[in-house]
C-alpha atoms as a PDB file:
ATOM      1  CA  MET A   1    -162.595 -77.055  66.109  1.00  0.00           C
ATOM      2  CA  GLY A   2    -164.483 -76.288  62.782  1.00  0.00           C
ATOM      3  CA  LYS A   3    -163.408 -74.293  59.977  1.00  0.00           C
ATOM      4  CA  ILE A   4    -163.464 -70.570  59.851  1.00  0.00           C
ATOM      5  CA  ILE A   5    -165.415 -69.006  56.952  1.00  0.00           C
ATOM      6  CA  ASN A   6    -166.187 -65.494  55.877  1.00  0.00           C
ATOM      7  CA  VAL A   7    -169.822 -65.054  55.125  1.00  0.00           C
ATOM      8  CA  ILE A   8    -170.016 -61.879  53.137  1.00  0.00           C
ATOM      9  CA  LEU A   9    -173.522 -60.556  52.299  1.00  0.00           C
ATOM     10  CA  SER A  10    -174.069 -58.842  49.061  1.00  0.00           C
ATOM     11  CA  GLY A  11    -177.453 -57.939  48.292  1.00  0.00           C
ATOM     12  CA  GLY A  12    -178.086 -54.399  48.121  1.00  0.00           C
ATOM     13  CA  VAL A  13    -177.857 -51.839  45.515  1.00  0.00           C
ATOM     14  CA  GLY A  14    -176.786 -49.009  47.190  1.00  0.00           C
ATOM     15  CA  SER A  15    -179.516 -46.585  46.514  1.00  0.00           C
ATOM     16  CA  ARG A  16    -178.084 -43.582  48.253  1.00  0.00           C
ATOM     17  CA  LEU A  17    -175.078 -43.678  46.123  1.00  0.00           C
ATOM     18  CA  TRP A  18    -177.053 -43.110  42.662  1.00  0.00           C
ATOM     19  CA  PRO A  19    -176.067 -42.216  40.081  1.00  0.00           C
ATOM     20  CA  LEU A  20    -172.640 -44.290  40.719  1.00  0.00           C
ATOM     21  CA  SER A  21    -174.295 -47.132  42.372  1.00  0.00           C
ATOM     22  CA  ARG A  22    -176.885 -48.832  39.712  1.00  0.00           C
ATOM     23  CA  LYS A  23    -178.541 -52.445  39.826  1.00  0.00           C
ATOM     24  CA  SER A  24    -176.340 -53.518  37.236  1.00  0.00           C
ATOM     25  CA  LYS A  25    -173.129 -52.435  39.402  1.00  0.00           C
ATOM     26  CA  PRO A  26    -173.951 -51.643  42.813  1.00  0.00           C
ATOM     27  CA  LYS A  27    -171.650 -49.903  45.185  1.00  0.00           C
ATOM     28  CA  GLN A  28    -169.705 -52.726  46.372  1.00  0.00           C
ATOM     29  CA  TYR A  29    -168.285 -53.534  42.732  1.00  0.00           C
ATOM     30  CA  LEU A  30    -167.233 -49.719  41.857  1.00  0.00           C
ATOM     31  CA  PRO A  31    -163.434 -49.505  41.478  1.00  0.00           C
ATOM     32  CA  ILE A  32    -163.177 -46.300  43.141  1.00  0.00           C
ATOM     33  CA  PHE A  33    -161.508 -46.837  46.187  1.00  0.00           C
ATOM     34  CA  GLU A  34    -157.621 -46.445  44.949  1.00  0.00           C
ATOM     35  CA  GLY A  35    -158.537 -48.770  41.950  1.00  0.00           C
ATOM     36  CA  LYS A  36    -160.133 -51.317  43.968  1.00  0.00           C
ATOM     37  CA  THR A  37    -163.818 -52.415  44.743  1.00  0.00           C
ATOM     38  CA  LEU A  38    -165.071 -52.563  48.335  1.00  0.00           C
ATOM     39  CA  PHE A  39    -165.989 -56.420  47.764  1.00  0.00           C
ATOM     40  CA  GLU A  40    -162.421 -57.056  46.603  1.00  0.00           C
ATOM     41  CA  LEU A  41    -161.063 -55.250  49.855  1.00  0.00           C
ATOM     42  CA  THR A  42    -163.671 -57.124  51.832  1.00  0.00           C
ATOM     43  CA  ILE A  43    -162.216 -60.491  50.571  1.00  0.00           C
ATOM     44  CA  ALA A  44    -158.512 -59.480  50.799  1.00  0.00           C
ATOM     45  CA  ARG A  45    -158.583 -58.433  54.604  1.00  0.00           C
ATOM     46  CA  ASN A  46    -160.409 -61.879  55.630  1.00  0.00           C
ATOM     47  CA  GLN A  47    -158.253 -64.012  53.444  1.00  0.00           C
ATOM     48  CA  GLU A  48    -155.424 -64.842  56.134  1.00  0.00           C
ATOM     49  CA  ILE A  49    -158.235 -65.417  58.775  1.00  0.00           C
ATOM     50  CA  ALA A  50    -160.784 -67.773  57.034  1.00  0.00           C
ATOM     51  CA  SER A  51    -160.311 -70.759  54.784  1.00  0.00           C
ATOM     52  CA  LYS A  52    -163.169 -70.381  52.731  1.00  0.00           C
ATOM     53  CA  VAL A  53    -165.920 -67.496  51.535  1.00  0.00           C
ATOM     54  CA  ILE A  54    -169.831 -67.896  51.538  1.00  0.00           C
ATOM     55  CA  LEU A  55    -171.133 -65.282  49.695  1.00  0.00           C
ATOM     56  CA  VAL A  56    -175.070 -64.555  49.879  1.00  0.00           C
ATOM     57  CA  GLY A  57    -176.662 -62.348  47.723  1.00  0.00           C
ATOM     58  CA  SER A  58    -178.944 -61.833  44.924  1.00  0.00           C
ATOM     59  CA  THR A  59    -178.788 -63.789  41.691  1.00  0.00           C
ATOM     60  CA  GLN A  60    -177.452 -60.890  39.834  1.00  0.00           C
ATOM     61  CA  ASN A  61    -174.561 -60.353  42.515  1.00  0.00           C
ATOM     62  CA  LYS A  62    -173.830 -63.744  41.533  1.00  0.00           C
ATOM     63  CA  THR A  63    -172.733 -62.757  38.259  1.00  0.00           C
ATOM     64  CA  ILE A  64    -170.907 -60.021  39.361  1.00  0.00           C
ATOM     65  CA  ALA A  65    -168.934 -61.204  42.346  1.00  0.00           C
ATOM     66  CA  GLU A  66    -167.581 -64.447  40.426  1.00  0.00           C
ATOM     67  CA  PRO A  67    -164.693 -62.659  38.994  1.00  0.00           C
ATOM     68  CA  TYR A  68    -163.476 -61.310  42.134  1.00  0.00           C
ATOM     69  CA  LEU A  69    -163.811 -64.531  44.258  1.00  0.00           C
ATOM     70  CA  LYS A  70    -161.451 -66.542  42.152  1.00  0.00           C
ATOM     71  CA  PRO A  71    -158.306 -66.244  44.398  1.00  0.00           C
ATOM     72  CA  VAL A  72    -160.216 -67.836  47.141  1.00  0.00           C
ATOM     73  CA  SER A  73    -162.114 -71.218  47.841  1.00  0.00           C
ATOM     74  CA  TYR A  74    -165.806 -70.177  47.796  1.00  0.00           C
ATOM     75  CA  ASP A  75    -169.566 -70.939  47.312  1.00  0.00           C
ATOM     76  CA  ILE A  76    -172.339 -68.742  46.459  1.00  0.00           C
ATOM     77  CA  ILE A  77    -176.027 -68.658  47.853  1.00  0.00           C
ATOM     78  CA  ALA A  78    -178.156 -67.048  45.320  1.00  0.00           C
ATOM     79  CA  GLU A  79    -181.400 -65.252  46.844  1.00  0.00           C
ATOM     80  CA  ALA A  80    -184.174 -65.211  44.478  1.00  0.00           C
ATOM     81  CA  ALA A  81    -186.101 -62.952  46.682  1.00  0.00           C
ATOM     82  CA  PRO A  82    -183.998 -61.304  49.171  1.00  0.00           C
ATOM     83  CA  ARG A  83    -185.105 -61.769  52.866  1.00  0.00           C
ATOM     84  CA  ASN A  84    -182.919 -59.453  55.263  1.00  0.00           C
ATOM     85  CA  THR A  85    -179.971 -60.654  57.144  1.00  0.00           C
ATOM     86  CA  ALA A  86    -181.667 -63.036  59.730  1.00  0.00           C
ATOM     87  CA  ALA A  87    -182.471 -65.219  56.585  1.00  0.00           C
ATOM     88  CA  ALA A  88    -179.570 -64.379  54.536  1.00  0.00           C
ATOM     89  CA  ILE A  89    -177.137 -65.525  57.496  1.00  0.00           C
ATOM     90  CA  ALA A  90    -179.121 -68.632  58.496  1.00  0.00           C
ATOM     91  CA  PHE A  91    -178.411 -69.722  54.784  1.00  0.00           C
ATOM     92  CA  ALA A  92    -174.874 -69.666  55.073  1.00  0.00           C
ATOM     93  CA  ALA A  93    -175.141 -71.411  58.612  1.00  0.00           C
ATOM     94  CA  PHE A  94    -177.246 -74.283  57.063  1.00  0.00           C
ATOM     95  CA  HIS A  95    -174.624 -74.694  54.799  1.00  0.00           C
ATOM     96  CA  ALA A  96    -171.820 -74.827  56.909  1.00  0.00           C
ATOM     97  CA  ASP A  97    -170.862 -77.253  59.804  1.00  0.00           C
ATOM     98  CA  PRO A  98    -172.109 -76.610  63.086  1.00  0.00           C
ATOM     99  CA  ASP A  99    -169.125 -76.174  64.765  1.00  0.00           C
ATOM    100  CA  ASP A 100    -167.737 -73.917  61.727  1.00  0.00           C
ATOM    101  CA  ILE A 101    -167.002 -70.193  62.684  1.00  0.00           C
ATOM    102  CA  LEU A 102    -168.613 -67.646  60.620  1.00  0.00           C
ATOM    103  CA  ILE A 103    -167.078 -64.082  60.438  1.00  0.00           C
ATOM    104  CA  VAL A 104    -170.032 -62.266  58.986  1.00  0.00           C
ATOM    105  CA  THR A 105    -169.066 -58.874  56.986  1.00  0.00           C
ATOM    106  CA  PRO A 106    -171.415 -57.203  54.809  1.00  0.00           C
ATOM    107  CA  SER A 107    -169.447 -56.439  51.337  1.00  0.00           C
ATOM    108  CA  ASP A 108    -169.609 -52.532  51.248  1.00  0.00           C
ATOM    109  CA  HIS A 109    -167.835 -51.378  54.168  1.00  0.00           C
ATOM    110  CA  LEU A 110    -164.521 -49.165  54.032  1.00  0.00           C
ATOM    111  CA  ILE A 111    -161.974 -50.513  56.729  1.00  0.00           C
ATOM    112  CA  GLU A 112    -158.408 -49.440  57.273  1.00  0.00           C
ATOM    113  CA  GLY A 113    -156.086 -50.549  59.903  1.00  0.00           C
ATOM    114  CA  LEU A 114    -155.683 -54.000  59.182  1.00  0.00           C
ATOM    115  CA  LYS A 115    -153.499 -54.961  62.310  1.00  0.00           C
ATOM    116  CA  ASN A 116    -156.577 -53.389  64.635  1.00  0.00           C
ATOM    117  CA  TYR A 117    -158.760 -55.467  62.326  1.00  0.00           C
ATOM    118  CA  ARG A 118    -157.135 -58.555  63.041  1.00  0.00           C
ATOM    119  CA  GLU A 119    -156.735 -58.203  66.849  1.00  0.00           C
ATOM    120  CA  ALA A 120    -160.241 -57.340  66.895  1.00  0.00           C
ATOM    121  CA  ILE A 121    -161.697 -60.368  64.572  1.00  0.00           C
ATOM    122  CA  ASN A 122    -159.082 -63.044  66.593  1.00  0.00           C
ATOM    123  CA  GLN A 123    -160.744 -61.776  69.863  1.00  0.00           C
ATOM    124  CA  GLY A 124    -164.407 -62.142  68.456  1.00  0.00           C
ATOM    125  CA  ILE A 125    -163.174 -65.847  67.192  1.00  0.00           C
ATOM    126  CA  MET A 126    -162.216 -66.478  70.918  1.00  0.00           C
ATOM    127  CA  TYR A 127    -165.674 -65.465  72.153  1.00  0.00           C
ATOM    128  CA  ALA A 128    -167.334 -67.885  69.201  1.00  0.00           C
ATOM    129  CA  GLN A 129    -165.358 -70.932  70.061  1.00  0.00           C
ATOM    130  CA  GLU A 130    -166.700 -70.246  73.766  1.00  0.00           C
ATOM    131  CA  GLY A 131    -170.375 -70.489  72.408  1.00  0.00           C
ATOM    132  CA  PHE A 132    -170.831 -66.665  72.476  1.00  0.00           C
ATOM    133  CA  ILE A 133    -172.228 -64.283  69.423  1.00  0.00           C
ATOM    134  CA  ALA A 134    -169.595 -61.894  69.093  1.00  0.00           C
ATOM    135  CA  THR A 135    -170.439 -58.217  67.606  1.00  0.00           C
ATOM    136  CA  PHE A 136    -167.985 -55.701  66.920  1.00  0.00           C
ATOM    137  CA  GLY A 137    -168.487 -52.060  67.990  1.00  0.00           C
ATOM    138  CA  ILE A 138    -166.208 -49.362  66.677  1.00  0.00           C
ATOM    139  CA  VAL A 139    -164.913 -46.623  69.029  1.00  0.00           C
ATOM    140  CA  PRO A 140    -166.980 -43.305  67.745  1.00  0.00           C
ATOM    141  CA  THR A 141    -164.606 -40.183  66.482  1.00  0.00           C
ATOM    142  CA  ARG A 142    -167.800 -37.992  66.135  1.00  0.00           C
ATOM    143  CA  PRO A 143    -171.505 -37.507  67.020  1.00  0.00           C
ATOM    144  CA  GLU A 144    -172.614 -39.175  63.810  1.00  0.00           C
ATOM    145  CA  THR A 145    -176.184 -39.706  63.385  1.00  0.00           C
ATOM    146  CA  GLY A 146    -175.867 -42.128  60.543  1.00  0.00           C
ATOM    147  CA  TYR A 147    -175.038 -45.426  62.460  1.00  0.00           C
ATOM    148  CA  GLY A 148    -176.703 -47.222  65.050  1.00  0.00           C
ATOM    149  CA  TYR A 149    -175.220 -47.593  68.387  1.00  0.00           C
ATOM    150  CA  ILE A 150    -174.266 -50.448  71.073  1.00  0.00           C
ATOM    151  CA  GLU A 151    -174.281 -49.239  74.755  1.00  0.00           C
ATOM    152  CA  HIS A 152    -171.827 -51.348  76.805  1.00  0.00           C
ATOM    153  CA  GLU A 153    -169.875 -52.011  79.792  1.00  0.00           C
ATOM    154  CA  GLY A 154    -166.453 -53.897  78.878  1.00  0.00           C
ATOM    155  CA  ASN A 155    -167.594 -56.573  76.601  1.00  0.00           C
ATOM    156  CA  THR A 156    -171.308 -56.745  77.853  1.00  0.00           C
ATOM    157  CA  VAL A 157    -173.964 -55.231  75.874  1.00  0.00           C
ATOM    158  CA  LEU A 158    -176.055 -53.044  77.668  1.00  0.00           C
ATOM    159  CA  SER A 159    -178.346 -52.051  74.866  1.00  0.00           C
ATOM    160  CA  PHE A 160    -178.530 -51.619  70.953  1.00  0.00           C
ATOM    161  CA  ARG A 161    -179.762 -48.121  69.768  1.00  0.00           C
ATOM    162  CA  GLU A 162    -181.181 -46.938  66.558  1.00  0.00           C
ATOM    163  CA  LYS A 163    -179.619 -44.166  64.608  1.00  0.00           C
ATOM    164  CA  PRO A 164    -179.962 -40.794  67.010  1.00  0.00           C
ATOM    165  CA  ASN A 165    -180.542 -37.358  66.360  1.00  0.00           C
ATOM    166  CA  GLU A 166    -177.532 -34.877  66.541  1.00  0.00           C
ATOM    167  CA  ASP A 167    -178.227 -34.063  70.298  1.00  0.00           C
ATOM    168  CA  THR A 168    -178.406 -37.830  71.382  1.00  0.00           C
ATOM    169  CA  ALA A 169    -175.311 -38.502  69.293  1.00  0.00           C
ATOM    170  CA  ARG A 170    -173.436 -35.870  71.239  1.00  0.00           C
ATOM    171  CA  ASP A 171    -174.587 -37.197  74.505  1.00  0.00           C
ATOM    172  CA  PHE A 172    -173.351 -40.740  73.647  1.00  0.00           C
ATOM    173  CA  LEU A 173    -169.883 -39.658  72.732  1.00  0.00           C
ATOM    174  CA  LYS A 174    -170.004 -37.617  76.061  1.00  0.00           C
ATOM    175  CA  LYS A 175    -171.121 -40.591  78.152  1.00  0.00           C
ATOM    176  CA  GLY A 176    -168.060 -42.534  76.715  1.00  0.00           C
ATOM    177  CA  ASN A 177    -169.624 -46.174  76.551  1.00  0.00           C
ATOM    178  CA  PHE A 178    -171.107 -46.257  72.959  1.00  0.00           C
ATOM    179  CA  LEU A 179    -169.725 -47.715  70.065  1.00  0.00           C
ATOM    180  CA  TRP A 180    -170.834 -47.684  66.488  1.00  0.00           C
ATOM    181  CA  ASN A 181    -172.702 -50.785  65.371  1.00  0.00           C
ATOM    182  CA  SER A 182    -170.288 -52.282  62.741  1.00  0.00           C
ATOM    183  CA  GLY A 183    -172.908 -54.929  61.415  1.00  0.00           C
ATOM    184  CA  ILE A 184    -170.208 -57.481  61.799  1.00  0.00           C
ATOM    185  CA  PHE A 185    -170.583 -60.822  63.541  1.00  0.00           C
ATOM    186  CA  CYS A 186    -168.680 -63.856  64.543  1.00  0.00           C
ATOM    187  CA  PHE A 187    -170.204 -67.116  65.971  1.00  0.00           C
ATOM    188  CA  LYS A 188    -170.369 -70.902  65.371  1.00  0.00           C
ATOM    189  CA  ALA A 189    -172.811 -71.818  63.067  1.00  0.00           C
ATOM    190  CA  GLY A 190    -174.956 -74.092  65.022  1.00  0.00           C
ATOM    191  CA  VAL A 191    -174.945 -71.413  67.754  1.00  0.00           C
ATOM    192  CA  TYR A 192    -176.616 -68.860  65.496  1.00  0.00           C
ATOM    193  CA  LEU A 193    -179.393 -71.359  64.332  1.00  0.00           C
ATOM    194  CA  GLU A 194    -180.232 -72.466  67.743  1.00  0.00           C
ATOM    195  CA  GLU A 195    -180.801 -68.522  68.827  1.00  0.00           C
ATOM    196  CA  LEU A 196    -182.751 -68.036  65.481  1.00  0.00           C
ATOM    197  CA  MET A 197    -184.900 -71.272  66.253  1.00  0.00           C
ATOM    198  CA  LEU A 198    -185.510 -70.052  69.688  1.00  0.00           C
ATOM    199  CA  PHE A 199    -186.639 -66.286  69.008  1.00  0.00           C
ATOM    200  CA  GLU A 200    -187.993 -66.692  65.663  1.00  0.00           C
ATOM    201  CA  PRO A 201    -189.073 -70.247  64.778  1.00  0.00           C
ATOM    202  CA  LYS A 202    -191.282 -69.500  61.872  1.00  0.00           C
ATOM    203  CA  LEU A 203    -188.344 -67.552  60.294  1.00  0.00           C
ATOM    204  CA  TYR A 204    -185.981 -70.605  60.996  1.00  0.00           C
ATOM    205  CA  ASN A 205    -188.438 -73.197  59.661  1.00  0.00           C
ATOM    206  CA  ALA A 206    -189.333 -71.137  56.443  1.00  0.00           C
ATOM    207  CA  ALA A 207    -185.738 -70.372  55.951  1.00  0.00           C
ATOM    208  CA  GLU A 208    -184.845 -73.997  56.288  1.00  0.00           C
ATOM    209  CA  VAL A 209    -187.249 -75.239  53.998  1.00  0.00           C
ATOM    210  CA  ALA A 210    -186.269 -72.793  51.300  1.00  0.00           C
ATOM    211  CA  PHE A 211    -182.679 -73.628  51.421  1.00  0.00           C
ATOM    212  CA  GLU A 212    -183.706 -77.643  51.280  1.00  0.00           C
ATOM    213  CA  TYR A 213    -185.558 -76.644  47.841  1.00  0.00           C
ATOM    214  CA  ALA A 214    -182.497 -74.478  46.629  1.00  0.00           C
ATOM    215  CA  GLU A 215    -181.042 -76.237  43.406  1.00  0.00           C
ATOM    216  CA  ASP A 216    -177.094 -75.652  43.307  1.00  0.00           C
ATOM    217  CA  LEU A 217    -177.470 -73.184  46.117  1.00  0.00           C
ATOM    218  CA  VAL A 218    -180.010 -71.010  44.255  1.00  0.00           C
ATOM    219  CA  LEU A 219    -183.070 -70.458  46.047  1.00  0.00           C
ATOM    220  CA  ASP A 220    -186.350 -70.287  44.394  1.00  0.00           C
ATOM    221  CA  GLU A 221    -188.893 -67.303  44.733  1.00  0.00           C
ATOM    222  CA  GLU A 222    -191.645 -69.567  46.017  1.00  0.00           C
ATOM    223  CA  HIS A 223    -190.325 -70.676  49.308  1.00  0.00           C
ATOM    224  CA  SER A 224    -188.158 -67.633  49.664  1.00  0.00           C
ATOM    225  CA  LYS A 225    -191.124 -65.318  49.757  1.00  0.00           C
ATOM    226  CA  LEU A 226    -192.437 -67.326  52.787  1.00  0.00           C
ATOM    227  CA  ILE A 227    -189.682 -66.119  54.896  1.00  0.00           C
ATOM    228  CA  PRO A 228    -190.280 -62.947  57.265  1.00  0.00           C
ATOM    229  CA  SER A 229    -187.828 -60.445  56.508  1.00  0.00           C
ATOM    230  CA  LYS A 230    -186.012 -59.563  59.558  1.00  0.00           C
ATOM    231  CA  SER A 231    -182.460 -58.362  60.325  1.00  0.00           C
ATOM    232  CA  ILE A 232    -179.878 -60.228  62.443  1.00  0.00           C
ATOM    233  CA  ASP A 233    -180.399 -57.282  65.013  1.00  0.00           C
ATOM    234  CA  TYR A 234    -184.204 -57.434  65.716  1.00  0.00           C
ATOM    235  CA  ALA A 235    -184.387 -61.408  65.102  1.00  0.00           C
ATOM    236  CA  VAL A 236    -181.076 -62.262  67.488  1.00  0.00           C
ATOM    237  CA  MET A 237    -178.672 -59.727  68.785  1.00  0.00           C
ATOM    238  CA  GLU A 238    -181.226 -57.651  70.490  1.00  0.00           C
ATOM    239  CA  ARG A 239    -182.803 -60.718  72.515  1.00  0.00           C
ATOM    240  CA  SER A 240    -179.895 -63.268  73.063  1.00  0.00           C
ATOM    241  CA  ASP A 241    -178.134 -63.867  76.229  1.00  0.00           C
ATOM    242  CA  LEU A 242    -175.190 -64.960  74.659  1.00  0.00           C
ATOM    243  CA  ILE A 243    -173.857 -62.030  73.010  1.00  0.00           C
ATOM    244  CA  LYS A 244    -170.426 -60.126  73.388  1.00  0.00           C
ATOM    245  CA  VAL A 245    -169.277 -57.020  72.160  1.00  0.00           C
ATOM    246  CA  VAL A 246    -165.533 -56.429  71.003  1.00  0.00           C
ATOM    247  CA  PRO A 247    -164.758 -52.691  71.412  1.00  0.00           C
ATOM    248  CA  ALA A 248    -162.443 -52.108  67.967  1.00  0.00           C
ATOM    249  CA  ARG A 249    -160.478 -49.167  66.735  1.00  0.00           C
ATOM    250  CA  PHE A 250    -159.991 -50.029  63.231  1.00  0.00           C
ATOM    251  CA  GLU A 251    -161.077 -46.971  60.878  1.00  0.00           C
ATOM    252  CA  TRP A 252    -164.452 -48.147  59.661  1.00  0.00           C
ATOM    253  CA  SER A 253    -167.260 -46.523  57.396  1.00  0.00           C
ATOM    254  CA  ASP A 254    -170.361 -48.020  55.930  1.00  0.00           C
ATOM    255  CA  MET A 255    -170.201 -45.946  52.670  1.00  0.00           C
ATOM    256  CA  GLY A 256    -173.917 -46.017  53.247  1.00  0.00           C
ATOM    257  CA  ALA A 257    -174.339 -42.227  51.341  1.00  0.00           C
ATOM    258  CA  PHE A 258    -172.063 -39.391  49.795  1.00  0.00           C
ATOM    259  CA  ASP A 259    -171.213 -37.791  53.186  1.00  0.00           C
ATOM    260  CA  SER A 260    -169.218 -41.015  53.772  1.00  0.00           C
ATOM    261  CA  LEU A 261    -167.763 -40.746  50.165  1.00  0.00           C
ATOM    262  CA  PHE A 262    -167.059 -37.376  50.667  1.00  0.00           C
ATOM    263  CA  GLU A 263    -164.883 -38.009  53.989  1.00  0.00           C
ATOM    264  CA  TYR A 264    -163.194 -40.760  52.052  1.00  0.00           C
ATOM    265  CA  PHE A 265    -162.024 -38.494  49.131  1.00  0.00           C
ATOM    266  CA  LYS A 266    -161.202 -35.661  51.017  1.00  0.00           C
ATOM    267  CA  GLY A 267    -158.894 -37.956  53.286  1.00  0.00           C
ATOM    268  CA  LYS A 268    -157.284 -39.144  49.883  1.00  0.00           C
ATOM    269  CA  GLY A 269    -156.472 -35.743  48.624  1.00  0.00           C
ATOM    270  CA  HIS A 270    -159.229 -35.495  46.318  1.00  0.00           C
ATOM    271  CA  PRO A 271    -159.701 -31.707  45.535  1.00  0.00           C
ATOM    272  CA  VAL A 272    -162.318 -29.866  47.580  1.00  0.00           C
ATOM    273  CA  ASP A 273    -162.749 -25.991  47.017  1.00  0.00           C
ATOM    274  CA  GLU A 274    -162.640 -23.624  50.022  1.00  0.00           C
ATOM    275  CA  ASN A 275    -166.442 -23.897  50.487  1.00  0.00           C
ATOM    276  CA  GLY A 276    -166.274 -27.783  51.146  1.00  0.00           C
ATOM    277  CA  ASN A 277    -167.645 -28.450  47.273  1.00  0.00           C
ATOM    278  CA  ILE A 278    -166.120 -31.353  45.572  1.00  0.00           C
ATOM    279  CA  VAL A 279    -166.539 -33.063  41.915  1.00  0.00           C
ATOM    280  CA  VAL A 280    -166.484 -36.755  41.304  1.00  0.00           C
ATOM    281  CA  GLY A 281    -166.613 -38.503  38.151  1.00  0.00           C
ATOM    282  CA  THR A 282    -165.627 -35.889  35.612  1.00  0.00           C
ATOM    283  CA  ASN A 283    -162.430 -33.819  34.806  1.00  0.00           C
ATOM    284  CA  LYS A 284    -164.284 -30.861  33.386  1.00  0.00           C
ATOM    285  CA  HIS A 285    -163.811 -27.651  35.000  1.00  0.00           C
ATOM    286  CA  THR A 286    -166.363 -27.145  37.414  1.00  0.00           C
ATOM    287  CA  VAL A 287    -166.913 -23.908  39.369  1.00  0.00           C
ATOM    288  CA  PHE A 288    -169.169 -23.603  42.270  1.00  0.00           C
ATOM    289  CA  VAL A 289    -170.706 -20.009  42.800  1.00  0.00           C
ATOM    290  CA  GLY A 290    -172.875 -19.246  45.772  1.00  0.00           C
ATOM    291  CA  LEU A 291    -172.805 -22.889  47.229  1.00  0.00           C
ATOM    292  CA  THR A 292    -171.168 -24.433  50.045  1.00  0.00           C
ATOM    293  CA  ASN A 293    -170.755 -28.271  51.060  1.00  0.00           C
ATOM    294  CA  CYS A 294    -172.016 -29.696  47.764  1.00  0.00           C
ATOM    295  CA  MET A 295    -171.306 -32.579  45.517  1.00  0.00           C
ATOM    296  CA  LEU A 296    -171.548 -32.632  41.770  1.00  0.00           C
ATOM    297  CA  VAL A 297    -171.283 -36.345  40.706  1.00  0.00           C
ATOM    298  CA  SER A 298    -171.310 -37.088  36.902  1.00  0.00           C
ATOM    299  CA  THR A 299    -171.860 -40.498  34.870  1.00  0.00           C
ATOM    300  CA  ASP A 300    -172.082 -41.069  31.312  1.00  0.00           C
ATOM    301  CA  ASP A 301    -176.156 -40.718  31.629  1.00  0.00           C
ATOM    302  CA  ALA A 302    -176.811 -38.709  34.708  1.00  0.00           C
ATOM    303  CA  VAL A 303    -175.372 -35.978  36.935  1.00  0.00           C
ATOM    304  CA  LEU A 304    -176.277 -35.349  40.429  1.00  0.00           C
ATOM    305  CA  VAL A 305    -175.847 -32.085  42.238  1.00  0.00           C
ATOM    306  CA  LEU A 306    -176.311 -32.643  46.158  1.00  0.00           C
ATOM    307  CA  ASP A 307    -176.029 -30.759  49.196  1.00  0.00           C
ATOM    308  CA  ARG A 308    -174.224 -33.106  51.444  1.00  0.00           C
ATOM    309  CA  ASN A 309    -176.301 -32.352  54.378  1.00  0.00           C
ATOM    310  CA  ARG A 310    -179.085 -34.211  52.550  1.00  0.00           C
ATOM    311  CA  ALA A 311    -177.043 -37.167  51.577  1.00  0.00           C
ATOM    312  CA  GLN A 312    -179.754 -39.348  52.826  1.00  0.00           C
ATOM    313  CA  ASP A 313    -182.452 -38.056  50.560  1.00  0.00           C
ATOM    314  CA  VAL A 314    -180.738 -39.412  47.331  1.00  0.00           C
ATOM    315  CA  LYS A 315    -182.567 -42.576  48.247  1.00  0.00           C
ATOM    316  CA  ALA A 316    -185.776 -40.876  47.211  1.00  0.00           C
ATOM    317  CA  VAL A 317    -184.212 -40.098  43.830  1.00  0.00           C
ATOM    318  CA  TYR A 318    -183.699 -43.503  43.324  1.00  0.00           C
ATOM    319  CA  GLU A 319    -187.192 -44.838  44.440  1.00  0.00           C
ATOM    320  CA  GLN A 320    -188.834 -42.216  42.230  1.00  0.00           C
ATOM    321  CA  LEU A 321    -186.929 -43.427  39.301  1.00  0.00           C
ATOM    322  CA  GLU A 322    -187.763 -47.238  40.108  1.00  0.00           C
ATOM    323  CA  LYS A 323    -191.281 -46.365  40.306  1.00  0.00           C
ATOM    324  CA  ASP A 324    -190.861 -44.540  36.802  1.00  0.00           C
ATOM    325  CA  ASN A 325    -189.358 -47.975  35.702  1.00  0.00           C
ATOM    326  CA  SER A 326    -186.393 -45.301  34.336  1.00  0.00           C
ATOM    327  CA  GLY A 327    -183.458 -47.344  32.444  1.00  0.00           C
ATOM    328  CA  LEU A 328    -181.129 -44.814  34.867  1.00  0.00           C
ATOM    329  CA  ILE A 329    -181.246 -47.422  37.800  1.00  0.00           C
END
């Protein structure tokens, strides 16, 4: 049997968590989870399962990530121009042996309940050893509109569904055979590359060329930009006949926006007033008058006041600041 490798994807900037998350310190490197970062929590929970880490991320991520990787054996593949998850995972697979089992995890998810997590991952490893591609679906606890869903029958995937509206999410919950799509995968490196070659030969070939031209695992921009930008979901998961889903009961959140962060802070006993308002980042006495379900997020150089029902809209603020070449991102 090949090695078990934890492939950690660390490419995003966490624009929906601005002003906490910045280009210089994306959300996975913020030490706000009981003093730890999501990135180091990701490394820690897979440390007993995997013998090595392959980090795939931007050149900037390489610099920020290295201090956290010291406790483990690791390699870093630095992308000059990120081309989405299908290519990022292909680079890790090219760097591994075909029989190596890759546990692919985002770097910015919060997971609690390690016993249930390890049980699920071990089941995924068993599927990977048999030549399948395992994905992990979280048993839903509420009609969540911010996640994709997997329709399943046992370990068989019937369909992948995009983020639903509230009525559809309630319908999914009622039917009882829908799982949240966690974005965590497990497979042999060679199996993934074979399926990618089958369904996306242009992407496969362009990624292979870019990887061959990499120097010390640092990819160049010229070859990277020729790779079609596709997620693993569109490129492989929704098309392959080798998919198995592992229904999992560990607590999971993708920490994608402030509504997720609110639930985390509330669960850890962070003060929330009687109208559901919360303050993050300052100890100044703050009073909300006539407001409900709001967040005040304070940093040294910016303040965000947010209706939590509009948590996804923070991305538009970030994009406008980016357009304005603002130093606040």
